[in-house]
Amino acid sequence: MNNHALNENDLCPLCRMAKYRFLFKVKDYQHVTTTKSFSLVRCENCDVGYLVPFPAKEEVDSFYVDSFYISHDGVSKEDNAELLLERRSEQLENKAKLLPEVDGGKLMDIGAQKGDFIHWISMKGWDVHGVELPGKVNNFFSHPMTYGDFLTIDIKKQHYDCVTMWAVLEHVYDPAGYVKKISESLKSGGSFIGIATNLNSIQGRFFGTDDYPRHLTIYTKKSLKNLLEREGFKIERIWTDQKIFESSVKGFFVYLLKRMLGYSRDEVMDEWHNVADPLLFSCKFRGRYSFVMRIVSVVSNRLLQPIEMLLDNLGHGHILLWKAVKK
């Protein structure tokens, strides 16, 4: 339960209540855009996790540096479209498999980044449109793209057969406003499909490995279901798997060993999310190569793979997917 004086930045971004339970402290381990710490709390009304104090809207833009946009696929603004498609082809096809069967359907992808997904499905007959923040990434494929804040740009109402958001909802400042506008943009029977991270997972609760503070809200099945149904959607399915994005628990034993050997939580997380040296966490101890850490990492990977699959099957994996239909 909250134990300090409440202010506007304590209110839940989904339900605007201020009754929450503290979970743990977080900071920007991966891109180090700020030295500030935040509390991750869980709303006791709608079950969503969110940051307290909630960052000011003008502060959020400073969290997005160039390294954020190349950290997932290694493709910079200067690279080519063919390389991007080569690296993402399996992921793009797995996304495409989630779409409804609509001949010549109209699709809007929010957070379209370089445009690789809308290009992929345009080749399957979809009439596509992307939405992205201005000045962040290049449009590699020249498909129609609107740049700006989704809440302020003009979107045709009851126009789209499908709207997608791939790991975007946790980033937006007003998620309830986004879902409401998405609902308005869809035809009756239109699909809303997306991905967010799952607070009710080992990664989300034990490690706290979400991309803070860029992830402003962290979802559970309950909070996601409540949000979608409130804005006029019927849930087809909410589940967890790693066919689109991977999120491993395989570092569990390395994490435990380093904590037992004197690392603070912040030190372990700094290593785990280090972009410049991906082997720092799994194969090194205090910055030097360690045969012991390497062996522990290999054993951890092998032992925890079946557990990871079990967690996904039980709905406690870290990658939370949804398919919903506008009533």
C-alpha atoms as a PDB file:
ATOM      1  CA  MET A   1       0.000   0.000   0.000  1.00  0.00           C
ATOM      2  CA  ASN A   2       1.224   3.538  -0.672  1.00  0.00           C
ATOM      3  CA  ASN A   3       2.783   5.106   2.403  1.00  0.00           C
ATOM      4  CA  HIS A   4       3.462   8.709   1.425  1.00  0.00           C
ATOM      5  CA  ALA A   5       1.429  11.796   0.542  1.00  0.00           C
ATOM      6  CA  LEU A   6      -0.394  11.326  -2.735  1.00  0.00           C
ATOM      7  CA  ASN A   7      -0.063  13.639  -5.713  1.00  0.00           C
ATOM      8  CA  GLU A   8      -1.030  13.651  -9.391  1.00  0.00           C
ATOM      9  CA  ASN A   9       1.981  11.497 -10.304  1.00  0.00           C
ATOM     10  CA  ASP A  10       0.736   8.674  -8.048  1.00  0.00           C
ATOM     11  CA  LEU A  11      -2.506   8.135  -9.961  1.00  0.00           C
ATOM     12  CA  CYS A  12      -2.869   4.945 -11.970  1.00  0.00           C
ATOM     13  CA  PRO A  13      -2.589   5.786 -15.693  1.00  0.00           C
ATOM     14  CA  LEU A  14      -5.439   3.372 -16.506  1.00  0.00           C
ATOM     15  CA  CYS A  15      -8.096   3.921 -13.854  1.00  0.00           C
ATOM     16  CA  ARG A  16      -6.873   7.167 -12.196  1.00  0.00           C
ATOM     17  CA  MET A  17      -7.084   5.622  -8.723  1.00  0.00           C
ATOM     18  CA  ALA A  18      -4.270   6.041  -6.192  1.00  0.00           C
ATOM     19  CA  LYS A  19      -4.445   2.827  -4.216  1.00  0.00           C
ATOM     20  CA  TYR A  20      -1.403   0.731  -4.962  1.00  0.00           C
ATOM     21  CA  ARG A  21       1.143  -1.714  -3.549  1.00  0.00           C
ATOM     22  CA  PHE A  22       4.911  -1.161  -3.845  1.00  0.00           C
ATOM     23  CA  LEU A  23       6.794  -3.919  -5.707  1.00  0.00           C
ATOM     24  CA  PHE A  24      10.430  -2.835  -6.189  1.00  0.00           C
ATOM     25  CA  LYS A  25      12.761  -0.049  -7.273  1.00  0.00           C
ATOM     26  CA  VAL A  26      13.822   0.302 -10.927  1.00  0.00           C
ATOM     27  CA  LYS A  27      16.068   2.519 -13.024  1.00  0.00           C
ATOM     28  CA  ASP A  28      17.429   2.760 -16.571  1.00  0.00           C
ATOM     29  CA  TYR A  29      19.933  -0.096 -16.580  1.00  0.00           C
ATOM     30  CA  GLN A  30      20.080  -0.511 -20.359  1.00  0.00           C
ATOM     31  CA  HIS A  31      20.533   2.930 -21.890  1.00  0.00           C
ATOM     32  CA  VAL A  32      21.297   4.999 -18.746  1.00  0.00           C
ATOM     33  CA  THR A  33      19.356   8.037 -19.961  1.00  0.00           C
ATOM     34  CA  THR A  34      18.707   9.105 -16.373  1.00  0.00           C
ATOM     35  CA  THR A  35      20.137   8.336 -12.946  1.00  0.00           C
ATOM     36  CA  LYS A  36      16.711   8.639 -11.320  1.00  0.00           C
ATOM     37  CA  SER A  37      15.131   5.674  -9.537  1.00  0.00           C
ATOM     38  CA  PHE A  38      11.432   4.882  -9.760  1.00  0.00           C
ATOM     39  CA  SER A  39       9.133   2.674  -7.740  1.00  0.00           C
ATOM     40  CA  LEU A  40       7.205   0.040  -9.641  1.00  0.00           C
ATOM     41  CA  VAL A  41       3.792  -0.322  -8.014  1.00  0.00           C
ATOM     42  CA  ARG A  42       0.721  -2.451  -8.721  1.00  0.00           C
ATOM     43  CA  CYS A  43      -2.683  -0.762  -8.810  1.00  0.00           C
ATOM     44  CA  GLU A  44      -5.014  -2.482  -6.348  1.00  0.00           C
ATOM     45  CA  ASN A  45      -8.018  -1.446  -8.420  1.00  0.00           C
ATOM     46  CA  CYS A  46      -7.134  -2.518 -11.984  1.00  0.00           C
ATOM     47  CA  ASP A  47      -3.975  -4.639 -11.399  1.00  0.00           C
ATOM     48  CA  VAL A  48      -1.638  -2.796 -13.784  1.00  0.00           C
ATOM     49  CA  GLY A  49       1.948  -2.058 -12.796  1.00  0.00           C
ATOM     50  CA  TYR A  50       3.225   1.498 -13.256  1.00  0.00           C
ATOM     51  CA  LEU A  51       6.024   3.863 -12.269  1.00  0.00           C
ATOM     52  CA  VAL A  52       5.841   6.204  -9.280  1.00  0.00           C
ATOM     53  CA  PRO A  53       6.546   9.013  -9.624  1.00  0.00           C
ATOM     54  CA  PHE A  54       5.091   8.791 -13.117  1.00  0.00           C
ATOM     55  CA  PRO A  55       7.557  10.638 -15.398  1.00  0.00           C
ATOM     56  CA  ALA A  56       6.467  14.016 -16.700  1.00  0.00           C
ATOM     57  CA  LYS A  57       5.355  13.893 -20.323  1.00  0.00           C
ATOM     58  CA  GLU A  58       8.136  16.232 -21.434  1.00  0.00           C
ATOM     59  CA  GLU A  59      10.685  14.002 -19.657  1.00  0.00           C
ATOM     60  CA  VAL A  60       9.753  10.805 -21.503  1.00  0.00           C
ATOM     61  CA  ASP A  61      11.259  11.815 -24.855  1.00  0.00           C
ATOM     62  CA  SER A  62      14.729  12.014 -23.288  1.00  0.00           C
ATOM     63  CA  PHE A  63      14.550   8.267 -22.511  1.00  0.00           C
ATOM     64  CA  TYR A  64      14.667   7.398 -26.228  1.00  0.00           C
ATOM     65  CA  VAL A  65      18.234   7.582 -27.537  1.00  0.00           C
ATOM     66  CA  ASP A  66      19.513   6.203 -30.849  1.00  0.00           C
ATOM     67  CA  SER A  67      20.769   2.995 -29.204  1.00  0.00           C
ATOM     68  CA  PHE A  68      17.179   2.105 -28.241  1.00  0.00           C
ATOM     69  CA  TYR A  69      16.132   1.904 -31.898  1.00  0.00           C
ATOM     70  CA  ILE A  70      18.939  -0.443 -32.944  1.00  0.00           C
ATOM     71  CA  SER A  71      19.188  -2.592 -29.795  1.00  0.00           C
ATOM     72  CA  HIS A  72      16.640  -5.210 -30.929  1.00  0.00           C
ATOM     73  CA  ASP A  73      17.713  -5.855 -34.524  1.00  0.00           C
ATOM     74  CA  GLY A  74      21.134  -4.221 -34.853  1.00  0.00           C
ATOM     75  CA  VAL A  75      19.955  -2.232 -37.897  1.00  0.00           C
ATOM     76  CA  SER A  76      20.729   1.489 -37.796  1.00  0.00           C
ATOM     77  CA  LYS A  77      19.248   4.352 -39.814  1.00  0.00           C
ATOM     78  CA  GLU A  78      22.025   3.959 -42.363  1.00  0.00           C
ATOM     79  CA  ASP A  79      21.551   0.220 -43.004  1.00  0.00           C
ATOM     80  CA  ASN A  80      19.400  -1.263 -45.759  1.00  0.00           C
ATOM     81  CA  ALA A  81      15.926  -2.737 -45.963  1.00  0.00           C
ATOM     82  CA  GLU A  82      17.116  -6.136 -47.159  1.00  0.00           C
ATOM     83  CA  LEU A  83      19.233  -6.635 -44.041  1.00  0.00           C
ATOM     84  CA  LEU A  84      16.289  -5.724 -41.819  1.00  0.00           C
ATOM     85  CA  LEU A  85      13.960  -8.201 -43.553  1.00  0.00           C
ATOM     86  CA  GLU A  86      16.621 -10.915 -43.394  1.00  0.00           C
ATOM     87  CA  ARG A  87      17.034 -10.508 -39.636  1.00  0.00           C
ATOM     88  CA  ARG A  88      13.326 -10.292 -38.902  1.00  0.00           C
ATOM     89  CA  SER A  89      11.730 -12.639 -41.430  1.00  0.00           C
ATOM     90  CA  GLU A  90      10.742 -15.339 -38.911  1.00  0.00           C
ATOM     91  CA  GLN A  91       9.365 -12.782 -36.460  1.00  0.00           C
ATOM     92  CA  LEU A  92       7.443 -10.966 -39.198  1.00  0.00           C
ATOM     93  CA  GLU A  93       5.852 -14.183 -40.439  1.00  0.00           C
ATOM     94  CA  ASN A  94       4.807 -15.126 -36.893  1.00  0.00           C
ATOM     95  CA  LYS A  95       3.158 -11.718 -36.540  1.00  0.00           C
ATOM     96  CA  ALA A  96       1.387 -12.174 -39.862  1.00  0.00           C
ATOM     97  CA  LYS A  97      -0.054 -15.514 -38.703  1.00  0.00           C
ATOM     98  CA  LEU A  98      -1.995 -13.697 -35.956  1.00  0.00           C
ATOM     99  CA  LEU A  99      -3.919 -11.493 -38.392  1.00  0.00           C
ATOM    100  CA  PRO A 100      -7.527 -12.226 -39.358  1.00  0.00           C
ATOM    101  CA  GLU A 101      -8.294 -13.386 -42.879  1.00  0.00           C
ATOM    102  CA  VAL A 102      -9.628 -10.295 -44.642  1.00  0.00           C
ATOM    103  CA  ASP A 103      -9.281  -9.949 -48.401  1.00  0.00           C
ATOM    104  CA  GLY A 104      -7.780  -6.555 -49.144  1.00  0.00           C
ATOM    105  CA  GLY A 105      -8.220  -5.537 -45.511  1.00  0.00           C
ATOM    106  CA  LYS A 106      -7.029  -2.210 -44.145  1.00  0.00           C
ATOM    107  CA  LEU A 107      -4.445  -2.394 -41.342  1.00  0.00           C
ATOM    108  CA  MET A 108      -2.861   0.283 -39.154  1.00  0.00           C
ATOM    109  CA  ASP A 109       0.346  -0.526 -37.263  1.00  0.00           C
ATOM    110  CA  ILE A 110       1.026   1.817 -34.322  1.00  0.00           C
ATOM    111  CA  GLY A 111       4.713   2.103 -33.542  1.00  0.00           C
ATOM    112  CA  ALA A 112       5.638   0.991 -37.062  1.00  0.00           C
ATOM    113  CA  GLN A 113       9.281   2.092 -36.698  1.00  0.00           C
ATOM    114  CA  LYS A 114      11.151   1.234 -39.924  1.00  0.00           C
ATOM    115  CA  GLY A 115       8.013  -0.127 -41.626  1.00  0.00           C
ATOM    116  CA  ASP A 116       9.165  -3.736 -41.956  1.00  0.00           C
ATOM    117  CA  PHE A 117       5.926  -5.290 -40.642  1.00  0.00           C
ATOM    118  CA  ILE A 118       3.579  -3.265 -42.825  1.00  0.00           C
ATOM    119  CA  HIS A 119       5.813  -4.022 -45.815  1.00  0.00           C
ATOM    120  CA  TRP A 120       5.705  -7.757 -45.049  1.00  0.00           C
ATOM    121  CA  ILE A 121       1.921  -7.929 -44.858  1.00  0.00           C
ATOM    122  CA  SER A 122       1.421  -5.577 -47.811  1.00  0.00           C
ATOM    123  CA  MET A 123       2.934  -8.397 -49.853  1.00  0.00           C
ATOM    124  CA  LYS A 124       0.117 -10.593 -48.517  1.00  0.00           C
ATOM    125  CA  GLY A 125      -2.567  -8.247 -49.831  1.00  0.00           C
ATOM    126  CA  TRP A 126      -3.165  -5.880 -46.912  1.00  0.00           C
ATOM    127  CA  ASP A 127      -3.742  -2.155 -47.472  1.00  0.00           C
ATOM    128  CA  VAL A 128      -1.321  -0.780 -44.859  1.00  0.00           C
ATOM    129  CA  HIS A 129      -0.659   2.383 -42.905  1.00  0.00           C
ATOM    130  CA  GLY A 130       1.907   3.042 -40.181  1.00  0.00           C
ATOM    131  CA  VAL A 131       2.048   5.469 -37.261  1.00  0.00           C
ATOM    132  CA  GLU A 132       5.373   6.477 -35.702  1.00  0.00           C
ATOM    133  CA  LEU A 133       6.835   9.305 -33.650  1.00  0.00           C
ATOM    134  CA  PRO A 134       8.642  11.913 -35.768  1.00  0.00           C
ATOM    135  CA  GLY A 135      12.412  12.006 -36.213  1.00  0.00           C
ATOM    136  CA  LYS A 136      13.181   8.642 -34.601  1.00  0.00           C
ATOM    137  CA  VAL A 137      13.690   6.113 -37.419  1.00  0.00           C
ATOM    138  CA  ASN A 138      13.737   6.051 -41.206  1.00  0.00           C
ATOM    139  CA  ASN A 139      10.884   4.585 -43.253  1.00  0.00           C
ATOM    140  CA  PHE A 140      12.834   1.884 -45.092  1.00  0.00           C
ATOM    141  CA  PHE A 141       9.991   0.788 -47.390  1.00  0.00           C
ATOM    142  CA  SER A 142       8.132   4.005 -48.305  1.00  0.00           C
ATOM    143  CA  HIS A 143       4.699   2.702 -47.296  1.00  0.00           C
ATOM    144  CA  PRO A 144       2.229   5.345 -46.023  1.00  0.00           C
ATOM    145  CA  MET A 145       3.353   6.534 -42.591  1.00  0.00           C
ATOM    146  CA  THR A 146       1.907   9.248 -40.364  1.00  0.00           C
ATOM    147  CA  TYR A 147       4.371  10.831 -37.938  1.00  0.00           C
ATOM    148  CA  GLY A 148       3.202  12.273 -34.653  1.00  0.00           C
ATOM    149  CA  ASP A 149       1.496  11.436 -31.371  1.00  0.00           C
ATOM    150  CA  PHE A 150      -1.286   8.957 -32.155  1.00  0.00           C
ATOM    151  CA  LEU A 151      -3.652  10.784 -29.798  1.00  0.00           C
ATOM    152  CA  THR A 152      -3.319  14.069 -31.702  1.00  0.00           C
ATOM    153  CA  ILE A 153      -3.162  12.969 -35.348  1.00  0.00           C
ATOM    154  CA  ASP A 154      -6.269  12.598 -37.529  1.00  0.00           C
ATOM    155  CA  ILE A 155      -7.383   8.977 -37.868  1.00  0.00           C
ATOM    156  CA  LYS A 156     -10.413   7.868 -39.874  1.00  0.00           C
ATOM    157  CA  LYS A 157     -13.136   6.394 -37.687  1.00  0.00           C
ATOM    158  CA  GLN A 158     -14.516   2.913 -38.353  1.00  0.00           C
ATOM    159  CA  HIS A 159     -12.017   2.566 -41.189  1.00  0.00           C
ATOM    160  CA  TYR A 160      -9.643  -0.291 -40.331  1.00  0.00           C
ATOM    161  CA  ASP A 161     -10.117  -4.052 -40.283  1.00  0.00           C
ATOM    162  CA  CYS A 162      -7.132  -4.543 -37.975  1.00  0.00           C
ATOM    163  CA  VAL A 163      -4.888  -2.457 -35.724  1.00  0.00           C
ATOM    164  CA  THR A 164      -1.605  -3.825 -34.364  1.00  0.00           C
ATOM    165  CA  MET A 165       0.722  -2.688 -31.563  1.00  0.00           C
ATOM    166  CA  TRP A 166       3.912  -4.721 -31.184  1.00  0.00           C
ATOM    167  CA  ALA A 167       5.460  -3.950 -27.770  1.00  0.00           C
ATOM    168  CA  VAL A 168       4.140  -0.383 -27.799  1.00  0.00           C
ATOM    169  CA  LEU A 169       1.307  -0.192 -25.249  1.00  0.00           C
ATOM    170  CA  GLU A 170       3.721  -0.286 -22.294  1.00  0.00           C
ATOM    171  CA  HIS A 171       5.535   2.767 -23.720  1.00  0.00           C
ATOM    172  CA  VAL A 172       2.628   5.162 -24.247  1.00  0.00           C
ATOM    173  CA  TYR A 173       1.805   7.959 -21.850  1.00  0.00           C
ATOM    174  CA  ASP A 174      -1.979   7.526 -21.985  1.00  0.00           C
ATOM    175  CA  PRO A 175      -2.710   3.846 -22.711  1.00  0.00           C
ATOM    176  CA  ALA A 176      -6.435   4.177 -22.004  1.00  0.00           C
ATOM    177  CA  GLY A 177      -6.643   7.044 -24.499  1.00  0.00           C
ATOM    178  CA  TYR A 178      -4.817   4.956 -27.098  1.00  0.00           C
ATOM    179  CA  VAL A 179      -7.133   1.968 -26.730  1.00  0.00           C
ATOM    180  CA  LYS A 180     -10.206   4.213 -26.908  1.00  0.00           C
ATOM    181  CA  LYS A 181      -8.992   5.835 -30.157  1.00  0.00           C
ATOM    182  CA  ILE A 182      -8.037   2.432 -31.588  1.00  0.00           C
ATOM    183  CA  SER A 183     -11.559   1.208 -30.888  1.00  0.00           C
ATOM    184  CA  GLU A 184     -12.971   4.248 -32.682  1.00  0.00           C
ATOM    185  CA  SER A 185     -10.733   3.627 -35.717  1.00  0.00           C
ATOM    186  CA  LEU A 186     -11.859   0.014 -36.192  1.00  0.00           C
ATOM    187  CA  LYS A 187     -14.867  -1.260 -38.079  1.00  0.00           C
ATOM    188  CA  SER A 188     -17.345  -3.359 -36.120  1.00  0.00           C
ATOM    189  CA  GLY A 189     -15.787  -6.804 -35.918  1.00  0.00           C
ATOM    190  CA  GLY A 190     -12.302  -5.384 -36.529  1.00  0.00           C
ATOM    191  CA  SER A 191      -9.326  -6.901 -34.705  1.00  0.00           C
ATOM    192  CA  PHE A 192      -6.901  -5.338 -32.244  1.00  0.00           C
ATOM    193  CA  ILE A 193      -3.750  -7.444 -31.876  1.00  0.00           C
ATOM    194  CA  GLY A 194      -0.634  -6.734 -29.859  1.00  0.00           C
ATOM    195  CA  ILE A 195       2.104  -7.597 -27.424  1.00  0.00           C
ATOM    196  CA  ALA A 196       3.147  -6.228 -24.052  1.00  0.00           C
ATOM    197  CA  THR A 197       5.233  -7.605 -21.199  1.00  0.00           C
ATOM    198  CA  ASN A 198       3.708  -9.623 -18.371  1.00  0.00           C
ATOM    199  CA  LEU A 199       4.106  -8.413 -14.805  1.00  0.00           C
ATOM    200  CA  ASN A 200       3.051 -11.858 -13.542  1.00  0.00           C
ATOM    201  CA  SER A 201       6.199 -13.597 -14.796  1.00  0.00           C
ATOM    202  CA  ILE A 202       9.557 -14.504 -13.270  1.00  0.00           C
ATOM    203  CA  GLN A 203      11.205 -11.891 -15.456  1.00  0.00           C
ATOM    204  CA  GLY A 204       8.665  -9.249 -14.492  1.00  0.00           C
ATOM    205  CA  ARG A 205       8.425  -9.938 -10.758  1.00  0.00           C
ATOM    206  CA  PHE A 206      11.700 -11.543  -9.671  1.00  0.00           C
ATOM    207  CA  PHE A 207      14.199  -9.920 -12.047  1.00  0.00           C
ATOM    208  CA  GLY A 208      12.331  -6.729 -12.890  1.00  0.00           C
ATOM    209  CA  THR A 209      13.857  -6.886 -16.366  1.00  0.00           C
ATOM    210  CA  ASP A 210      11.377  -4.667 -18.209  1.00  0.00           C
ATOM    211  CA  ASP A 211      12.807  -1.740 -20.148  1.00  0.00           C
ATOM    212  CA  TYR A 212      12.398   0.908 -17.462  1.00  0.00           C
ATOM    213  CA  PRO A 213      11.721   3.829 -17.530  1.00  0.00           C
ATOM    214  CA  ARG A 214      10.593   3.555 -21.169  1.00  0.00           C
ATOM    215  CA  HIS A 215       8.052   0.979 -20.001  1.00  0.00           C
ATOM    216  CA  LEU A 216       5.653   3.208 -18.104  1.00  0.00           C
ATOM    217  CA  THR A 217       2.964   0.576 -17.543  1.00  0.00           C
ATOM    218  CA  ILE A 218       3.372  -3.197 -17.109  1.00  0.00           C
ATOM    219  CA  TYR A 219       0.364  -5.419 -17.761  1.00  0.00           C
ATOM    220  CA  THR A 220      -1.225  -8.532 -16.351  1.00  0.00           C
ATOM    221  CA  LYS A 221      -3.941 -10.580 -18.019  1.00  0.00           C
ATOM    222  CA  LYS A 222      -6.466  -9.024 -15.640  1.00  0.00           C
ATOM    223  CA  SER A 223      -5.441  -5.401 -16.261  1.00  0.00           C
ATOM    224  CA  LEU A 224      -5.265  -5.920 -20.026  1.00  0.00           C
ATOM    225  CA  LYS A 225      -8.664  -7.629 -20.114  1.00  0.00           C
ATOM    226  CA  ASN A 226     -10.235  -4.829 -18.048  1.00  0.00           C
ATOM    227  CA  LEU A 227      -8.761  -2.133 -20.293  1.00  0.00           C
ATOM    228  CA  LEU A 228      -9.849  -3.753 -23.565  1.00  0.00           C
ATOM    229  CA  GLU A 229     -13.367  -4.607 -22.412  1.00  0.00           C
ATOM    230  CA  ARG A 230     -13.877  -1.118 -21.017  1.00  0.00           C
ATOM    231  CA  GLU A 231     -13.256   0.327 -24.485  1.00  0.00           C
ATOM    232  CA  GLY A 232     -15.696  -1.975 -26.282  1.00  0.00           C
ATOM    233  CA  PHE A 233     -13.597  -5.018 -27.180  1.00  0.00           C
ATOM    234  CA  LYS A 234     -14.449  -8.683 -26.870  1.00  0.00           C
ATOM    235  CA  ILE A 235     -11.421 -10.764 -25.885  1.00  0.00           C
ATOM    236  CA  GLU A 236     -10.618 -13.603 -28.259  1.00  0.00           C
ATOM    237  CA  ARG A 237      -7.474 -14.689 -26.461  1.00  0.00           C
ATOM    238  CA  ILE A 238      -4.788 -13.481 -24.030  1.00  0.00           C
ATOM    239  CA  TRP A 239      -1.748 -15.748 -23.720  1.00  0.00           C
ATOM    240  CA  THR A 240       2.037 -15.888 -23.395  1.00  0.00           C
ATOM    241  CA  ASP A 241       4.650 -17.319 -25.767  1.00  0.00           C
ATOM    242  CA  GLN A 242       7.981 -16.383 -27.381  1.00  0.00           C
ATOM    243  CA  LYS A 243       7.296 -16.891 -31.068  1.00  0.00           C
ATOM    244  CA  ILE A 244       7.604 -13.170 -31.768  1.00  0.00           C
ATOM    245  CA  PHE A 245       9.891 -11.845 -29.028  1.00  0.00           C
ATOM    246  CA  GLU A 246      12.130 -13.892 -26.773  1.00  0.00           C
ATOM    247  CA  SER A 247      12.427 -13.182 -23.057  1.00  0.00           C
ATOM    248  CA  SER A 248      14.564 -15.707 -21.270  1.00  0.00           C
ATOM    249  CA  VAL A 249      14.717 -16.866 -17.644  1.00  0.00           C
ATOM    250  CA  LYS A 250      17.941 -18.684 -18.473  1.00  0.00           C
ATOM    251  CA  GLY A 251      20.083 -16.207 -16.553  1.00  0.00           C
ATOM    252  CA  PHE A 252      18.446 -17.214 -13.279  1.00  0.00           C
ATOM    253  CA  PHE A 253      21.390 -19.221 -11.856  1.00  0.00           C
ATOM    254  CA  VAL A 254      23.963 -16.628 -12.984  1.00  0.00           C
ATOM    255  CA  TYR A 255      21.904 -13.946 -11.273  1.00  0.00           C
ATOM    256  CA  LEU A 256      21.707 -15.958  -8.042  1.00  0.00           C
ATOM    257  CA  LEU A 257      25.424 -16.807  -8.031  1.00  0.00           C
ATOM    258  CA  LYS A 258      26.502 -13.230  -8.548  1.00  0.00           C
ATOM    259  CA  ARG A 259      24.188 -12.042  -5.783  1.00  0.00           C
ATOM    260  CA  MET A 260      25.607 -14.712  -3.459  1.00  0.00           C
ATOM    261  CA  LEU A 261      29.155 -13.600  -4.333  1.00  0.00           C
ATOM    262  CA  GLY A 262      28.547 -10.015  -3.314  1.00  0.00           C
ATOM    263  CA  TYR A 263      26.980  -8.246  -6.285  1.00  0.00           C
ATOM    264  CA  SER A 264      24.227  -5.793  -5.430  1.00  0.00           C
ATOM    265  CA  ARG A 265      20.998  -6.081  -7.429  1.00  0.00           C
ATOM    266  CA  ASP A 266      21.889  -2.900  -9.315  1.00  0.00           C
ATOM    267  CA  GLU A 267      25.325  -4.286 -10.239  1.00  0.00           C
ATOM    268  CA  VAL A 268      23.827  -7.511 -11.619  1.00  0.00           C
ATOM    269  CA  MET A 269      21.185  -5.645 -13.588  1.00  0.00           C
ATOM    270  CA  ASP A 270      23.749  -3.193 -14.977  1.00  0.00           C
ATOM    271  CA  GLU A 271      25.710  -6.149 -16.353  1.00  0.00           C
ATOM    272  CA  TRP A 272      22.653  -8.016 -17.627  1.00  0.00           C
ATOM    273  CA  HIS A 273      21.462  -5.041 -19.665  1.00  0.00           C
ATOM    274  CA  ASN A 274      24.856  -3.886 -20.866  1.00  0.00           C
ATOM    275  CA  VAL A 275      24.530  -3.139 -24.602  1.00  0.00           C
ATOM    276  CA  ALA A 276      28.243  -2.643 -25.316  1.00  0.00           C
ATOM    277  CA  ASP A 277      29.348  -6.015 -23.874  1.00  0.00           C
ATOM    278  CA  PRO A 278      26.653  -8.748 -24.163  1.00  0.00           C
ATOM    279  CA  LEU A 279      28.959 -11.303 -22.452  1.00  0.00           C
ATOM    280  CA  LEU A 280      29.527  -9.169 -19.350  1.00  0.00           C
ATOM    281  CA  PHE A 281      26.683 -10.833 -17.439  1.00  0.00           C
ATOM    282  CA  SER A 282      26.930 -14.436 -18.635  1.00  0.00           C
ATOM    283  CA  CYS A 283      30.687 -14.987 -18.941  1.00  0.00           C
ATOM    284  CA  LYS A 284      32.489 -12.467 -16.735  1.00  0.00           C
ATOM    285  CA  PHE A 285      32.960 -11.715 -13.042  1.00  0.00           C
ATOM    286  CA  ARG A 286      33.739  -8.126 -12.103  1.00  0.00           C
ATOM    287  CA  GLY A 287      34.577  -7.440 -15.741  1.00  0.00           C
ATOM    288  CA  ARG A 288      37.023 -10.317 -16.252  1.00  0.00           C
ATOM    289  CA  TYR A 289      36.350 -13.546 -18.140  1.00  0.00           C
ATOM    290  CA  SER A 290      35.324 -16.332 -15.758  1.00  0.00           C
ATOM    291  CA  PHE A 291      35.270 -19.997 -16.751  1.00  0.00           C
ATOM    292  CA  VAL A 292      32.978 -20.699 -13.783  1.00  0.00           C
ATOM    293  CA  MET A 293      30.439 -18.091 -14.917  1.00  0.00           C
ATOM    294  CA  ARG A 294      30.547 -19.480 -18.436  1.00  0.00           C
ATOM    295  CA  ILE A 295      29.820 -23.023 -17.188  1.00  0.00           C
ATOM    296  CA  VAL A 296      27.016 -21.800 -14.893  1.00  0.00           C
ATOM    297  CA  SER A 297      25.509 -19.894 -17.817  1.00  0.00           C
ATOM    298  CA  VAL A 298      25.568 -22.937 -20.121  1.00  0.00           C
ATOM    299  CA  VAL A 299      24.059 -25.207 -17.440  1.00  0.00           C
ATOM    300  CA  SER A 300      21.425 -22.590 -16.625  1.00  0.00           C
ATOM    301  CA  ASN A 301      20.410 -22.341 -20.291  1.00  0.00           C
ATOM    302  CA  ARG A 302      19.947 -26.090 -20.624  1.00  0.00           C
ATOM    303  CA  LEU A 303      18.157 -26.702 -17.327  1.00  0.00           C
ATOM    304  CA  LEU A 304      15.737 -23.814 -17.582  1.00  0.00           C
ATOM    305  CA  GLN A 305      14.606 -24.214 -21.199  1.00  0.00           C
ATOM    306  CA  PRO A 306      11.847 -26.740 -20.373  1.00  0.00           C
ATOM    307  CA  ILE A 307      10.792 -24.626 -17.384  1.00  0.00           C
ATOM    308  CA  GLU A 308      10.505 -21.629 -19.666  1.00  0.00           C
ATOM    309  CA  MET A 309       8.240 -23.571 -22.032  1.00  0.00           C
ATOM    310  CA  LEU A 310       6.113 -24.687 -19.074  1.00  0.00           C
ATOM    311  CA  LEU A 311       5.733 -21.104 -17.847  1.00  0.00           C
ATOM    312  CA  ASP A 312       4.518 -20.033 -21.299  1.00  0.00           C
ATOM    313  CA  ASN A 313       1.996 -22.865 -21.388  1.00  0.00           C
ATOM    314  CA  LEU A 314       0.718 -21.857 -17.942  1.00  0.00           C
ATOM    315  CA  GLY A 315       0.344 -18.225 -19.010  1.00  0.00           C
ATOM    316  CA  HIS A 316       3.217 -16.936 -16.875  1.00  0.00           C
ATOM    317  CA  GLY A 317       5.739 -16.244 -19.631  1.00  0.00           C
ATOM    318  CA  HIS A 318       7.059 -12.729 -20.008  1.00  0.00           C
ATOM    319  CA  ILE A 319       5.640 -11.957 -23.475  1.00  0.00           C
ATOM    320  CA  LEU A 320       1.914 -11.258 -23.203  1.00  0.00           C
ATOM    321  CA  LEU A 321      -0.115 -11.367 -26.426  1.00  0.00           C
ATOM    322  CA  TRP A 322      -3.731 -10.464 -27.093  1.00  0.00           C
ATOM    323  CA  LYS A 323      -6.338 -10.717 -29.827  1.00  0.00           C
ATOM    324  CA  ALA A 324      -9.518  -8.731 -29.337  1.00  0.00           C
ATOM    325  CA  VAL A 325     -12.446  -7.834 -31.574  1.00  0.00           C
ATOM    326  CA  LYS A 326     -14.447  -4.617 -31.558  1.00  0.00           C
ATOM    327  CA  LYS A 327     -18.047  -5.366 -30.622  1.00  0.00           C
END
